[in-house]
Amino acid sequence: MKHPVDVHVGKRVRHRRWMVGMTQQQLAEKVGIKFQQIQKYETGMNRVSASRLWDISEALGVPVAFFFEGVDVTATTDVVASGSVPADILADKEALELVRSYYSIPENQRRRLFELARVLSDVA
């Protein structure tokens, strides 16, 4: 049986890997393991040892604590308090692509887009 913390850590590994545009193969090569092991970590099927998590954090450019952020919320619930947004929203590839695209927009235009989205969500 998968432990919720292992699943959460795996999701955080996958999200960060996606955000930096790295494949499982590339991460595996940087860490010195097979990509199948990365797959197992990302699904929570296998636990990540402390030393391996350290290596992964170095490869992905984040502190080890990053993988545990939000563990209480995402390990036990599927919905944020409002009930309208999934707690694991970046598991949705469309949402992830939207976030990547958003951050590729120049900052001044990004602010204007953000304000537009805020206004539109208030109207809905």
PDB file of N, CA and C in Angstrom:
ATOM      1  N   MET A   1       0.837  -1.188   0.000  1.00  0.00           N
ATOM      2  CA  MET A   1       0.000   0.000   0.000  1.00  0.00           C
ATOM      3  C   MET A   1       0.880   1.248   0.000  1.00  0.00           C
ATOM      4  N   LYS A   2       0.545   2.213  -0.845  1.00  0.00           N
ATOM      5  CA  LYS A   2       1.321   3.446  -0.948  1.00  0.00           C
ATOM      6  C   LYS A   2       1.052   4.329   0.265  1.00  0.00           C
ATOM      7  N   HIS A   3       2.098   4.906   0.804  1.00  0.00           N
ATOM      8  CA  HIS A   3       1.950   5.861   1.892  1.00  0.00           C
ATOM      9  C   HIS A   3       1.669   7.235   1.286  1.00  0.00           C
ATOM     10  N   PRO A   4       0.711   7.991   1.837  1.00  0.00           N
ATOM     11  CA  PRO A   4       0.368   9.301   1.268  1.00  0.00           C
ATOM     12  C   PRO A   4       1.559  10.260   1.151  1.00  0.00           C
ATOM     13  N   VAL A   5       2.503  10.196   2.062  1.00  0.00           N
ATOM     14  CA  VAL A   5       3.670  11.084   1.980  1.00  0.00           C
ATOM     15  C   VAL A   5       4.552  10.694   0.802  1.00  0.00           C
ATOM     16  N   ASP A   6       4.707   9.385   0.557  1.00  0.00           N
ATOM     17  CA  ASP A   6       5.499   8.937  -0.595  1.00  0.00           C
ATOM     18  C   ASP A   6       4.849   9.399  -1.900  1.00  0.00           C
ATOM     19  N   VAL A   7       3.534   9.329  -1.959  1.00  0.00           N
ATOM     20  CA  VAL A   7       2.798   9.779  -3.149  1.00  0.00           C
ATOM     21  C   VAL A   7       2.995  11.282  -3.326  1.00  0.00           C
ATOM     22  N   HIS A   8       2.890  12.030  -2.233  1.00  0.00           N
ATOM     23  CA  HIS A   8       3.057  13.481  -2.294  1.00  0.00           C
ATOM     24  C   HIS A   8       4.466  13.857  -2.769  1.00  0.00           C
ATOM     25  N   VAL A   9       5.484  13.247  -2.193  1.00  0.00           N
ATOM     26  CA  VAL A   9       6.865  13.533  -2.586  1.00  0.00           C
ATOM     27  C   VAL A   9       7.054  13.204  -4.071  1.00  0.00           C
ATOM     28  N   GLY A  10       6.513  12.085  -4.510  1.00  0.00           N
ATOM     29  CA  GLY A  10       6.620  11.710  -5.918  1.00  0.00           C
ATOM     30  C   GLY A  10       5.966  12.713  -6.841  1.00  0.00           C
ATOM     31  N   LYS A  11       4.803  13.213  -6.438  1.00  0.00           N
ATOM     32  CA  LYS A  11       4.117  14.229  -7.251  1.00  0.00           C
ATOM     33  C   LYS A  11       4.932  15.506  -7.327  1.00  0.00           C
ATOM     34  N   ARG A  12       5.559  15.874  -6.217  1.00  0.00           N
ATOM     35  CA  ARG A  12       6.371  17.082  -6.202  1.00  0.00           C
ATOM     36  C   ARG A  12       7.611  16.916  -7.093  1.00  0.00           C
ATOM     37  N   VAL A  13       8.180  15.711  -7.111  1.00  0.00           N
ATOM     38  CA  VAL A  13       9.303  15.432  -8.008  1.00  0.00           C
ATOM     39  C   VAL A  13       8.837  15.606  -9.454  1.00  0.00           C
ATOM     40  N   ARG A  14       7.711  14.978  -9.793  1.00  0.00           N
ATOM     41  CA  ARG A  14       7.183  15.065 -11.158  1.00  0.00           C
ATOM     42  C   ARG A  14       6.867  16.509 -11.538  1.00  0.00           C
ATOM     43  N   HIS A  15       6.206  17.258 -10.653  1.00  0.00           N
ATOM     44  CA  HIS A  15       5.850  18.641 -10.970  1.00  0.00           C
ATOM     45  C   HIS A  15       7.086  19.493 -11.222  1.00  0.00           C
ATOM     46  N   ARG A  16       8.069  19.355 -10.364  1.00  0.00           N
ATOM     47  CA  ARG A  16       9.291  20.144 -10.539  1.00  0.00           C
ATOM     48  C   ARG A  16      10.013  19.747 -11.819  1.00  0.00           C
ATOM     49  N   ARG A  17      10.062  18.456 -12.096  1.00  0.00           N
ATOM     50  CA  ARG A  17      10.718  17.979 -13.322  1.00  0.00           C
ATOM     51  C   ARG A  17      10.015  18.575 -14.538  1.00  0.00           C
ATOM     52  N   TRP A  18       8.686  18.556 -14.535  1.00  0.00           N
ATOM     53  CA  TRP A  18       7.924  19.145 -15.635  1.00  0.00           C
ATOM     54  C   TRP A  18       8.182  20.643 -15.750  1.00  0.00           C
ATOM     55  N   MET A  19       8.216  21.334 -14.607  1.00  0.00           N
ATOM     56  CA  MET A  19       8.389  22.777 -14.622  1.00  0.00           C
ATOM     57  C   MET A  19       9.739  23.181 -15.219  1.00  0.00           C
ATOM     58  N   VAL A  20      10.759  22.381 -14.996  1.00  0.00           N
ATOM     59  CA  VAL A  20      12.064  22.721 -15.565  1.00  0.00           C
ATOM     60  C   VAL A  20      12.252  22.110 -16.953  1.00  0.00           C
ATOM     61  N   GLY A  21      11.232  21.384 -17.432  1.00  0.00           N
ATOM     62  CA  GLY A  21      11.294  20.819 -18.775  1.00  0.00           C
ATOM     63  C   GLY A  21      12.247  19.655 -18.918  1.00  0.00           C
ATOM     64  N   MET A  22      12.367  18.865 -17.865  1.00  0.00           N
ATOM     65  CA  MET A  22      13.288  17.734 -17.867  1.00  0.00           C
ATOM     66  C   MET A  22      12.507  16.429 -18.043  1.00  0.00           C
ATOM     67  N   THR A  23      13.054  15.507 -18.803  1.00  0.00           N
ATOM     68  CA  THR A  23      12.430  14.190 -18.957  1.00  0.00           C
ATOM     69  C   THR A  23      12.833  13.288 -17.796  1.00  0.00           C
ATOM     70  N   GLN A  24      12.116  12.188 -17.641  1.00  0.00           N
ATOM     71  CA  GLN A  24      12.488  11.207 -16.625  1.00  0.00           C
ATOM     72  C   GLN A  24      13.888  10.667 -16.910  1.00  0.00           C
ATOM     73  N   GLN A  25      14.186  10.452 -18.167  1.00  0.00           N
ATOM     74  CA  GLN A  25      15.503   9.948 -18.560  1.00  0.00           C
ATOM     75  C   GLN A  25      16.607  10.924 -18.167  1.00  0.00           C
ATOM     76  N   GLN A  26      16.394  12.203 -18.426  1.00  0.00           N
ATOM     77  CA  GLN A  26      17.400  13.211 -18.086  1.00  0.00           C
ATOM     78  C   GLN A  26      17.629  13.281 -16.579  1.00  0.00           C
ATOM     79  N   LEU A  27      16.529  13.252 -15.812  1.00  0.00           N
ATOM     80  CA  LEU A  27      16.672  13.280 -14.358  1.00  0.00           C
ATOM     81  C   LEU A  27      17.398  12.038 -13.869  1.00  0.00           C
ATOM     82  N   ALA A  28      17.023  10.898 -14.407  1.00  0.00           N
ATOM     83  CA  ALA A  28      17.661   9.644 -14.007  1.00  0.00           C
ATOM     84  C   ALA A  28      19.164   9.686 -14.277  1.00  0.00           C
ATOM     85  N   GLU A  29      19.562  10.212 -15.423  1.00  0.00           N
ATOM     86  CA  GLU A  29      20.981  10.306 -15.754  1.00  0.00           C
ATOM     87  C   GLU A  29      21.719  11.225 -14.791  1.00  0.00           C
ATOM     88  N   LYS A  30      21.095  12.341 -14.420  1.00  0.00           N
ATOM     89  CA  LYS A  30      21.732  13.269 -13.484  1.00  0.00           C
ATOM     90  C   LYS A  30      21.897  12.650 -12.102  1.00  0.00           C
ATOM     91  N   VAL A  31      20.942  11.784 -11.733  1.00  0.00           N
ATOM     92  CA  VAL A  31      20.953  11.177 -10.404  1.00  0.00           C
ATOM     93  C   VAL A  31      21.748   9.874 -10.401  1.00  0.00           C
ATOM     94  N   GLY A  32      21.932   9.280 -11.581  1.00  0.00           N
ATOM     95  CA  GLY A  32      22.702   8.042 -11.679  1.00  0.00           C
ATOM     96  C   GLY A  32      21.893   6.775 -11.468  1.00  0.00           C
ATOM     97  N   ILE A  33      20.624   6.815 -11.913  1.00  0.00           N
ATOM     98  CA  ILE A  33      19.743   5.641 -11.810  1.00  0.00           C
ATOM     99  C   ILE A  33      19.011   5.452 -13.133  1.00  0.00           C
ATOM    100  N   LYS A  34      18.195   4.412 -13.221  1.00  0.00           N
ATOM    101  CA  LYS A  34      17.404   4.147 -14.428  1.00  0.00           C
ATOM    102  C   LYS A  34      16.117   4.976 -14.385  1.00  0.00           C
ATOM    103  N   PHE A  35      15.597   5.333 -15.572  1.00  0.00           N
ATOM    104  CA  PHE A  35      14.393   6.152 -15.609  1.00  0.00           C
ATOM    105  C   PHE A  35      13.192   5.430 -15.003  1.00  0.00           C
ATOM    106  N   GLN A  36      13.201   4.095 -15.039  1.00  0.00           N
ATOM    107  CA  GLN A  36      12.099   3.336 -14.444  1.00  0.00           C
ATOM    108  C   GLN A  36      11.994   3.601 -12.944  1.00  0.00           C
ATOM    109  N   GLN A  37      13.149   3.833 -12.308  1.00  0.00           N
ATOM    110  CA  GLN A  37      13.136   4.138 -10.883  1.00  0.00           C
ATOM    111  C   GLN A  37      12.501   5.507 -10.634  1.00  0.00           C
ATOM    112  N   ILE A  38      12.769   6.455 -11.512  1.00  0.00           N
ATOM    113  CA  ILE A  38      12.133   7.776 -11.399  1.00  0.00           C
ATOM    114  C   ILE A  38      10.620   7.608 -11.516  1.00  0.00           C
ATOM    115  N   GLN A  39      10.172   6.760 -12.462  1.00  0.00           N
ATOM    116  CA  GLN A  39       8.731   6.493 -12.613  1.00  0.00           C
ATOM    117  C   GLN A  39       8.144   5.966 -11.313  1.00  0.00           C
ATOM    118  N   LYS A  40       8.831   5.054 -10.680  1.00  0.00           N
ATOM    119  CA  LYS A  40       8.346   4.466  -9.430  1.00  0.00           C
ATOM    120  C   LYS A  40       8.300   5.501  -8.310  1.00  0.00           C
ATOM    121  N   TYR A  41       9.308   6.377  -8.260  1.00  0.00           N
ATOM    122  CA  TYR A  41       9.300   7.438  -7.261  1.00  0.00           C
ATOM    123  C   TYR A  41       8.120   8.383  -7.497  1.00  0.00           C
ATOM    124  N   GLU A  42       7.915   8.760  -8.755  1.00  0.00           N
ATOM    125  CA  GLU A  42       6.881   9.740  -9.079  1.00  0.00           C
ATOM    126  C   GLU A  42       5.471   9.229  -8.803  1.00  0.00           C
ATOM    127  N   THR A  43       5.262   7.941  -8.865  1.00  0.00           N
ATOM    128  CA  THR A  43       3.937   7.386  -8.570  1.00  0.00           C
ATOM    129  C   THR A  43       3.773   7.047  -7.096  1.00  0.00           C
ATOM    130  N   GLY A  44       4.859   7.122  -6.340  1.00  0.00           N
ATOM    131  CA  GLY A  44       4.798   6.753  -4.929  1.00  0.00           C
ATOM    132  C   GLY A  44       4.899   5.262  -4.710  1.00  0.00           C
ATOM    133  N   MET A  45       5.159   4.523  -5.783  1.00  0.00           N
ATOM    134  CA  MET A  45       5.287   3.072  -5.682  1.00  0.00           C
ATOM    135  C   MET A  45       6.514   2.687  -4.863  1.00  0.00           C
ATOM    136  N   ASN A  46       7.601   3.438  -5.044  1.00  0.00           N
ATOM    137  CA  ASN A  46       8.821   3.237  -4.253  1.00  0.00           C
ATOM    138  C   ASN A  46       9.092   4.492  -3.436  1.00  0.00           C
ATOM    139  N   ARG A  47       9.580   4.289  -2.222  1.00  0.00           N
ATOM    140  CA  ARG A  47       9.980   5.412  -1.384  1.00  0.00           C
ATOM    141  C   ARG A  47      11.333   5.932  -1.841  1.00  0.00           C
ATOM    142  N   VAL A  48      11.521   7.221  -1.674  1.00  0.00           N
ATOM    143  CA  VAL A  48      12.789   7.845  -2.028  1.00  0.00           C
ATOM    144  C   VAL A  48      13.631   7.948  -0.756  1.00  0.00           C
ATOM    145  N   SER A  49      14.829   7.380  -0.774  1.00  0.00           N
ATOM    146  CA  SER A  49      15.701   7.473   0.394  1.00  0.00           C
ATOM    147  C   SER A  49      16.167   8.916   0.563  1.00  0.00           C
ATOM    148  N   ALA A  50      16.650   9.229   1.753  1.00  0.00           N
ATOM    149  CA  ALA A  50      17.110  10.586   2.047  1.00  0.00           C
ATOM    150  C   ALA A  50      18.236  11.007   1.106  1.00  0.00           C
ATOM    151  N   SER A  51      19.199  10.124   0.890  1.00  0.00           N
ATOM    152  CA  SER A  51      20.327  10.489   0.026  1.00  0.00           C
ATOM    153  C   SER A  51      19.884  10.646  -1.430  1.00  0.00           C
ATOM    154  N   ARG A  52      18.951   9.820  -1.874  1.00  0.00           N
ATOM    155  CA  ARG A  52      18.458   9.938  -3.248  1.00  0.00           C
ATOM    156  C   ARG A  52      17.633  11.217  -3.406  1.00  0.00           C
ATOM    157  N   LEU A  53      16.841  11.559  -2.388  1.00  0.00           N
ATOM    158  CA  LEU A  53      16.063  12.794  -2.439  1.00  0.00           C
ATOM    159  C   LEU A  53      17.003  14.001  -2.490  1.00  0.00           C
ATOM    160  N   TRP A  54      18.113  13.909  -1.791  1.00  0.00           N
ATOM    161  CA  TRP A  54      19.125  14.962  -1.840  1.00  0.00           C
ATOM    162  C   TRP A  54      19.652  15.117  -3.267  1.00  0.00           C
ATOM    163  N   ASP A  55      19.978  13.992  -3.906  1.00  0.00           N
ATOM    164  CA  ASP A  55      20.476  14.017  -5.291  1.00  0.00           C
ATOM    165  C   ASP A  55      19.428  14.608  -6.240  1.00  0.00           C
ATOM    166  N   ILE A  56      18.179  14.212  -6.053  1.00  0.00           N
ATOM    167  CA  ILE A  56      17.092  14.715  -6.914  1.00  0.00           C
ATOM    168  C   ILE A  56      16.918  16.217  -6.709  1.00  0.00           C
ATOM    169  N   SER A  57      16.989  16.665  -5.460  1.00  0.00           N
ATOM    170  CA  SER A  57      16.829  18.097  -5.190  1.00  0.00           C
ATOM    171  C   SER A  57      17.949  18.902  -5.854  1.00  0.00           C
ATOM    172  N   GLU A  58      19.162  18.357  -5.829  1.00  0.00           N
ATOM    173  CA  GLU A  58      20.299  19.019  -6.489  1.00  0.00           C
ATOM    174  C   GLU A  58      20.062  19.085  -8.001  1.00  0.00           C
ATOM    175  N   ALA A  59      19.607  17.986  -8.586  1.00  0.00           N
ATOM    176  CA  ALA A  59      19.387  17.920 -10.033  1.00  0.00           C
ATOM    177  C   ALA A  59      18.268  18.857 -10.480  1.00  0.00           C
ATOM    178  N   LEU A  60      17.262  19.046  -9.618  1.00  0.00           N
ATOM    179  CA  LEU A  60      16.110  19.875  -9.968  1.00  0.00           C
ATOM    180  C   LEU A  60      16.232  21.311  -9.450  1.00  0.00           C
ATOM    181  N   GLY A  61      17.298  21.583  -8.708  1.00  0.00           N
ATOM    182  CA  GLY A  61      17.551  22.953  -8.259  1.00  0.00           C
ATOM    183  C   GLY A  61      16.603  23.473  -7.196  1.00  0.00           C
ATOM    184  N   VAL A  62      16.194  22.609  -6.289  1.00  0.00           N
ATOM    185  CA  VAL A  62      15.321  23.018  -5.190  1.00  0.00           C
ATOM    186  C   VAL A  62      15.840  22.424  -3.889  1.00  0.00           C
ATOM    187  N   PRO A  63      15.485  23.027  -2.744  1.00  0.00           N
ATOM    188  CA  PRO A  63      15.874  22.418  -1.470  1.00  0.00           C
ATOM    189  C   PRO A  63      15.049  21.157  -1.214  1.00  0.00           C
ATOM    190  N   VAL A  64      15.555  20.268  -0.401  1.00  0.00           N
ATOM    191  CA  VAL A  64      14.843  19.026  -0.079  1.00  0.00           C
ATOM    192  C   VAL A  64      13.459  19.325   0.481  1.00  0.00           C
ATOM    193  N   ALA A  65      13.345  20.384   1.260  1.00  0.00           N
ATOM    194  CA  ALA A  65      12.058  20.742   1.879  1.00  0.00           C
ATOM    195  C   ALA A  65      10.963  20.984   0.841  1.00  0.00           C
ATOM    196  N   PHE A  66      11.346  21.364  -0.374  1.00  0.00           N
ATOM    197  CA  PHE A  66      10.373  21.600  -1.447  1.00  0.00           C
ATOM    198  C   PHE A  66       9.447  20.406  -1.628  1.00  0.00           C
ATOM    199  N   PHE A  67       9.976  19.210  -1.523  1.00  0.00           N
ATOM    200  CA  PHE A  67       9.199  18.004  -1.792  1.00  0.00           C
ATOM    201  C   PHE A  67       8.159  17.713  -0.715  1.00  0.00           C
ATOM    202  N   PHE A  68       8.275  18.376   0.431  1.00  0.00           N
ATOM    203  CA  PHE A  68       7.334  18.157   1.529  1.00  0.00           C
ATOM    204  C   PHE A  68       6.353  19.305   1.704  1.00  0.00           C
ATOM    205  N   GLU A  69       6.519  20.378   0.931  1.00  0.00           N
ATOM    206  CA  GLU A  69       5.610  21.516   1.048  1.00  0.00           C
ATOM    207  C   GLU A  69       4.186  21.085   0.733  1.00  0.00           C
ATOM    208  N   GLY A  70       3.253  21.470   1.590  1.00  0.00           N
ATOM    209  CA  GLY A  70       1.846  21.155   1.377  1.00  0.00           C
ATOM    210  C   GLY A  70       1.465  19.723   1.661  1.00  0.00           C
ATOM    211  N   VAL A  71       2.318  18.961   2.304  1.00  0.00           N
ATOM    212  CA  VAL A  71       2.045  17.543   2.510  1.00  0.00           C
ATOM    213  C   VAL A  71       0.759  17.293   3.289  1.00  0.00           C
ATOM    214  N   ASP A  72       0.433  18.113   4.263  1.00  0.00           N
ATOM    215  CA  ASP A  72      -0.780  17.904   5.047  1.00  0.00           C
ATOM    216  C   ASP A  72      -2.041  18.051   4.191  1.00  0.00           C
ATOM    217  N   VAL A  73      -2.022  18.992   3.263  1.00  0.00           N
ATOM    218  CA  VAL A  73      -3.186  19.244   2.433  1.00  0.00           C
ATOM    219  C   VAL A  73      -3.330  18.194   1.343  1.00  0.00           C
ATOM    220  N   THR A  74      -2.300  18.002   0.535  1.00  0.00           N
ATOM    221  CA  THR A  74      -2.429  17.133  -0.626  1.00  0.00           C
ATOM    222  C   THR A  74      -2.394  15.649  -0.283  1.00  0.00           C
ATOM    223  N   ALA A  75      -1.843  15.306   0.860  1.00  0.00           N
ATOM    224  CA  ALA A  75      -1.779  13.888   1.214  1.00  0.00           C
ATOM    225  C   ALA A  75      -3.116  13.370   1.716  1.00  0.00           C
ATOM    226  N   THR A  76      -4.006  14.271   2.122  1.00  0.00           N
ATOM    227  CA  THR A  76      -5.250  13.808   2.735  1.00  0.00           C
ATOM    228  C   THR A  76      -6.516  14.299   2.063  1.00  0.00           C
ATOM    229  N   THR A  77      -6.421  15.299   1.167  1.00  0.00           N
ATOM    230  CA  THR A  77      -7.630  15.828   0.547  1.00  0.00           C
ATOM    231  C   THR A  77      -7.473  15.931  -0.956  1.00  0.00           C
ATOM    232  N   ASP A  78      -8.588  15.904  -1.644  1.00  0.00           N
ATOM    233  CA  ASP A  78      -8.579  16.049  -3.094  1.00  0.00           C
ATOM    234  C   ASP A  78      -9.027  17.431  -3.543  1.00  0.00           C
ATOM    235  N   VAL A  79      -9.595  18.195  -2.609  1.00  0.00           N
ATOM    236  CA  VAL A  79     -10.166  19.477  -2.984  1.00  0.00           C
ATOM    237  C   VAL A  79      -9.711  20.547  -2.004  1.00  0.00           C
ATOM    238  N   VAL A  80      -9.382  21.706  -2.514  1.00  0.00           N
ATOM    239  CA  VAL A  80      -9.045  22.841  -1.669  1.00  0.00           C
ATOM    240  C   VAL A  80     -10.310  23.252  -0.933  1.00  0.00           C
ATOM    241  N   ALA A  81     -10.186  23.997   0.142  1.00  0.00           N
ATOM    242  CA  ALA A  81     -11.324  24.350   0.989  1.00  0.00           C
ATOM    243  C   ALA A  81     -12.515  24.884   0.204  1.00  0.00           C
ATOM    244  N   SER A  82     -12.293  25.624  -0.850  1.00  0.00           N
ATOM    245  CA  SER A  82     -13.406  26.178  -1.627  1.00  0.00           C
ATOM    246  C   SER A  82     -14.190  25.097  -2.351  1.00  0.00           C
ATOM    247  N   GLY A  83     -13.569  23.955  -2.574  1.00  0.00           N
ATOM    248  CA  GLY A  83     -14.250  22.856  -3.247  1.00  0.00           C
ATOM    249  C   GLY A  83     -14.240  22.950  -4.753  1.00  0.00           C
ATOM    250  N   SER A  84     -13.636  23.993  -5.315  1.00  0.00           N
ATOM    251  CA  SER A  84     -13.703  24.156  -6.763  1.00  0.00           C
ATOM    252  C   SER A  84     -12.397  23.881  -7.482  1.00  0.00           C
ATOM    253  N   VAL A  85     -11.266  23.864  -6.772  1.00  0.00           N
ATOM    254  CA  VAL A  85      -9.970  23.658  -7.404  1.00  0.00           C
ATOM    255  C   VAL A  85      -9.307  22.439  -6.782  1.00  0.00           C
ATOM    256  N   PRO A  86      -8.912  21.463  -7.595  1.00  0.00           N
ATOM    257  CA  PRO A  86      -8.226  20.293  -7.037  1.00  0.00           C
ATOM    258  C   PRO A  86      -6.935  20.697  -6.342  1.00  0.00           C
ATOM    259  N   ALA A  87      -6.619  20.041  -5.236  1.00  0.00           N
ATOM    260  CA  ALA A  87      -5.386  20.335  -4.508  1.00  0.00           C
ATOM    261  C   ALA A  87      -4.168  20.010  -5.356  1.00  0.00           C
ATOM    262  N   ASP A  88      -4.282  19.045  -6.258  1.00  0.00           N
ATOM    263  CA  ASP A  88      -3.174  18.616  -7.098  1.00  0.00           C
ATOM    264  C   ASP A  88      -3.362  19.140  -8.517  1.00  0.00           C
ATOM    265  N   ILE A  89      -3.589  20.432  -8.638  1.00  0.00           N
ATOM    266  CA  ILE A  89      -3.941  21.022  -9.932  1.00  0.00           C
ATOM    267  C   ILE A  89      -2.842  20.862 -10.976  1.00  0.00           C
ATOM    268  N   LEU A  90      -1.576  20.838 -10.555  1.00  0.00           N
ATOM    269  CA  LEU A  90      -0.503  20.710 -11.537  1.00  0.00           C
ATOM    270  C   LEU A  90      -0.335  19.288 -12.047  1.00  0.00           C
ATOM    271  N   ALA A  91      -1.150  18.361 -11.569  1.00  0.00           N
ATOM    272  CA  ALA A  91      -1.147  17.018 -12.147  1.00  0.00           C
ATOM    273  C   ALA A  91      -1.868  17.041 -13.490  1.00  0.00           C
ATOM    274  N   ASP A  92      -2.679  18.079 -13.709  1.00  0.00           N
ATOM    275  CA  ASP A  92      -3.390  18.251 -14.970  1.00  0.00           C
ATOM    276  C   ASP A  92      -2.428  18.874 -15.983  1.00  0.00           C
ATOM    277  N   LYS A  93      -2.185  18.180 -17.079  1.00  0.00           N
ATOM    278  CA  LYS A  93      -1.200  18.658 -18.057  1.00  0.00           C
ATOM    279  C   LYS A  93      -1.598  19.996 -18.671  1.00  0.00           C
ATOM    280  N   GLU A  94      -2.895  20.230 -18.853  1.00  0.00           N
ATOM    281  CA  GLU A  94      -3.339  21.511 -19.403  1.00  0.00           C
ATOM    282  C   GLU A  94      -3.018  22.653 -18.439  1.00  0.00           C
ATOM    283  N   ALA A  95      -3.239  22.441 -17.150  1.00  0.00           N
ATOM    284  CA  ALA A  95      -2.928  23.466 -16.149  1.00  0.00           C
ATOM    285  C   ALA A  95      -1.426  23.727 -16.113  1.00  0.00           C
ATOM    286  N   LEU A  96      -0.643  22.672 -16.195  1.00  0.00           N
ATOM    287  CA  LEU A  96       0.811  22.829 -16.188  1.00  0.00           C
ATOM    288  C   LEU A  96       1.272  23.615 -17.410  1.00  0.00           C
ATOM    289  N   GLU A  97       0.723  23.307 -18.572  1.00  0.00           N
ATOM    290  CA  GLU A  97       1.080  24.028 -19.791  1.00  0.00           C
ATOM    291  C   GLU A  97       0.693  25.506 -19.675  1.00  0.00           C
ATOM    292  N   LEU A  98      -0.453  25.772 -19.050  1.00  0.00           N
ATOM    293  CA  LEU A  98      -0.887  27.148 -18.835  1.00  0.00           C
ATOM    294  C   LEU A  98       0.104  27.898 -17.947  1.00  0.00           C
ATOM    295  N   VAL A  99       0.560  27.263 -16.887  1.00  0.00           N
ATOM    296  CA  VAL A  99       1.531  27.886 -15.989  1.00  0.00           C
ATOM    297  C   VAL A  99       2.841  28.154 -16.719  1.00  0.00           C
ATOM    298  N   ARG A 100       3.320  27.183 -17.481  1.00  0.00           N
ATOM    299  CA  ARG A 100       4.564  27.384 -18.246  1.00  0.00           C
ATOM    300  C   ARG A 100       4.415  28.548 -19.216  1.00  0.00           C
ATOM    301  N   SER A 101       3.303  28.579 -19.937  1.00  0.00           N
ATOM    302  CA  SER A 101       3.067  29.647 -20.909  1.00  0.00           C
ATOM    303  C   SER A 101       2.980  31.000 -20.213  1.00  0.00           C
ATOM    304  N   TYR A 102       2.289  31.039 -19.091  1.00  0.00           N
ATOM    305  CA  TYR A 102       2.126  32.273 -18.325  1.00  0.00           C
ATOM    306  C   TYR A 102       3.490  32.862 -17.954  1.00  0.00           C
ATOM    307  N   TYR A 103       4.392  32.031 -17.456  1.00  0.00           N
ATOM    308  CA  TYR A 103       5.691  32.525 -17.032  1.00  0.00           C
ATOM    309  C   TYR A 103       6.639  32.815 -18.194  1.00  0.00           C
ATOM    310  N   SER A 104       6.268  32.432 -19.392  1.00  0.00           N
ATOM    311  CA  SER A 104       7.096  32.783 -20.539  1.00  0.00           C
ATOM    312  C   SER A 104       6.717  34.149 -21.118  1.00  0.00           C
ATOM    313  N   ILE A 105       5.624  34.733 -20.629  1.00  0.00           N
ATOM    314  CA  ILE A 105       5.167  36.050 -21.072  1.00  0.00           C
ATOM    315  C   ILE A 105       5.980  37.123 -20.336  1.00  0.00           C
ATOM    316  N   PRO A 106       6.367  38.199 -21.017  1.00  0.00           N
ATOM    317  CA  PRO A 106       7.089  39.282 -20.339  1.00  0.00           C
ATOM    318  C   PRO A 106       6.300  39.799 -19.126  1.00  0.00           C
ATOM    319  N   GLU A 107       7.025  40.215 -18.102  1.00  0.00           N
ATOM    320  CA  GLU A 107       6.404  40.542 -16.810  1.00  0.00           C
ATOM    321  C   GLU A 107       5.291  41.584 -16.904  1.00  0.00           C
ATOM    322  N   ASN A 108       5.479  42.653 -17.648  1.00  0.00           N
ATOM    323  CA  ASN A 108       4.439  43.685 -17.709  1.00  0.00           C
ATOM    324  C   ASN A 108       3.154  43.146 -18.360  1.00  0.00           C
ATOM    325  N   GLN A 109       3.293  42.347 -19.384  1.00  0.00           N
ATOM    326  CA  GLN A 109       2.115  41.746 -20.019  1.00  0.00           C
ATOM    327  C   GLN A 109       1.496  40.685 -19.113  1.00  0.00           C
ATOM    328  N   ARG A 110       2.361  39.979 -18.377  1.00  0.00           N
ATOM    329  CA  ARG A 110       1.869  38.949 -17.458  1.00  0.00           C
ATOM    330  C   ARG A 110       0.982  39.578 -16.376  1.00  0.00           C
ATOM    331  N   ARG A 111       1.389  40.726 -15.850  1.00  0.00           N
ATOM    332  CA  ARG A 111       0.563  41.417 -14.843  1.00  0.00           C
ATOM    333  C   ARG A 111      -0.795  41.786 -15.399  1.00  0.00           C
ATOM    334  N   ARG A 112      -0.814  42.273 -16.636  1.00  0.00           N
ATOM    335  CA  ARG A 112      -2.084  42.664 -17.266  1.00  0.00           C
ATOM    336  C   ARG A 112      -2.970  41.444 -17.495  1.00  0.00           C
ATOM    337  N   LEU A 113      -2.358  40.343 -17.909  1.00  0.00           N
ATOM    338  CA  LEU A 113      -3.116  39.110 -18.105  1.00  0.00           C
ATOM    339  C   LEU A 113      -3.685  38.606 -16.783  1.00  0.00           C
ATOM    340  N   PHE A 114      -2.894  38.712 -15.729  1.00  0.00           N
ATOM    341  CA  PHE A 114      -3.342  38.295 -14.403  1.00  0.00           C
ATOM    342  C   PHE A 114      -4.557  39.118 -13.961  1.00  0.00           C
ATOM    343  N   GLU A 115      -4.484  40.428 -14.157  1.00  0.00           N
ATOM    344  CA  GLU A 115      -5.609  41.293 -13.782  1.00  0.00           C
ATOM    345  C   GLU A 115      -6.855  40.956 -14.602  1.00  0.00           C
ATOM    346  N   LEU A 116      -6.672  40.671 -15.887  1.00  0.00           N
ATOM    347  CA  LEU A 116      -7.799  40.274 -16.730  1.00  0.00           C
ATOM    348  C   LEU A 116      -8.428  38.979 -16.213  1.00  0.00           C
ATOM    349  N   ALA A 117      -7.596  38.013 -15.890  1.00  0.00           N
ATOM    350  CA  ALA A 117      -8.108  36.744 -15.378  1.00  0.00           C
ATOM    351  C   ALA A 117      -8.849  36.945 -14.055  1.00  0.00           C
ATOM    352  N   ARG A 118      -8.324  37.809 -13.215  1.00  0.00           N
ATOM    353  CA  ARG A 118      -8.987  38.086 -11.932  1.00  0.00           C
ATOM    354  C   ARG A 118     -10.361  38.699 -12.158  1.00  0.00           C
ATOM    355  N   VAL A 119     -10.457  39.674 -13.071  1.00  0.00           N
ATOM    356  CA  VAL A 119     -11.736  40.310 -13.380  1.00  0.00           C
ATOM    357  C   VAL A 119     -12.722  39.290 -13.951  1.00  0.00           C
ATOM    358  N   LEU A 120     -12.241  38.471 -14.878  1.00  0.00           N
ATOM    359  CA  LEU A 120     -13.119  37.464 -15.485  1.00  0.00           C
ATOM    360  C   LEU A 120     -13.612  36.441 -14.466  1.00  0.00           C
ATOM    361  N   SER A 121     -12.762  36.063 -13.526  1.00  0.00           N
ATOM    362  CA  SER A 121     -13.188  35.086 -12.522  1.00  0.00           C
ATOM    363  C   SER A 121     -14.181  35.695 -11.542  1.00  0.00           C
ATOM    364  N   ASP A 122     -14.087  36.991 -11.282  1.00  0.00           N
ATOM    365  CA  ASP A 122     -15.059  37.665 -10.419  1.00  0.00           C
ATOM    366  C   ASP A 122     -16.426  37.750 -11.072  1.00  0.00           C
ATOM    367  N   VAL A 123     -16.450  37.876 -12.395  1.00  0.00           N
ATOM    368  CA  VAL A 123     -17.707  37.989 -13.138  1.00  0.00           C
ATOM    369  C   VAL A 123     -18.422  36.637 -13.208  1.00  0.00           C
ATOM    370  N   ALA A 124     -17.638  35.570 -13.293  1.00  0.00           N
ATOM    371  CA  ALA A 124     -18.212  34.228 -13.473  1.00  0.00           C
ATOM    372  C   ALA A 124     -18.983  33.740 -12.264  1.00  0.00           C
TER     373      ALA A 124
END
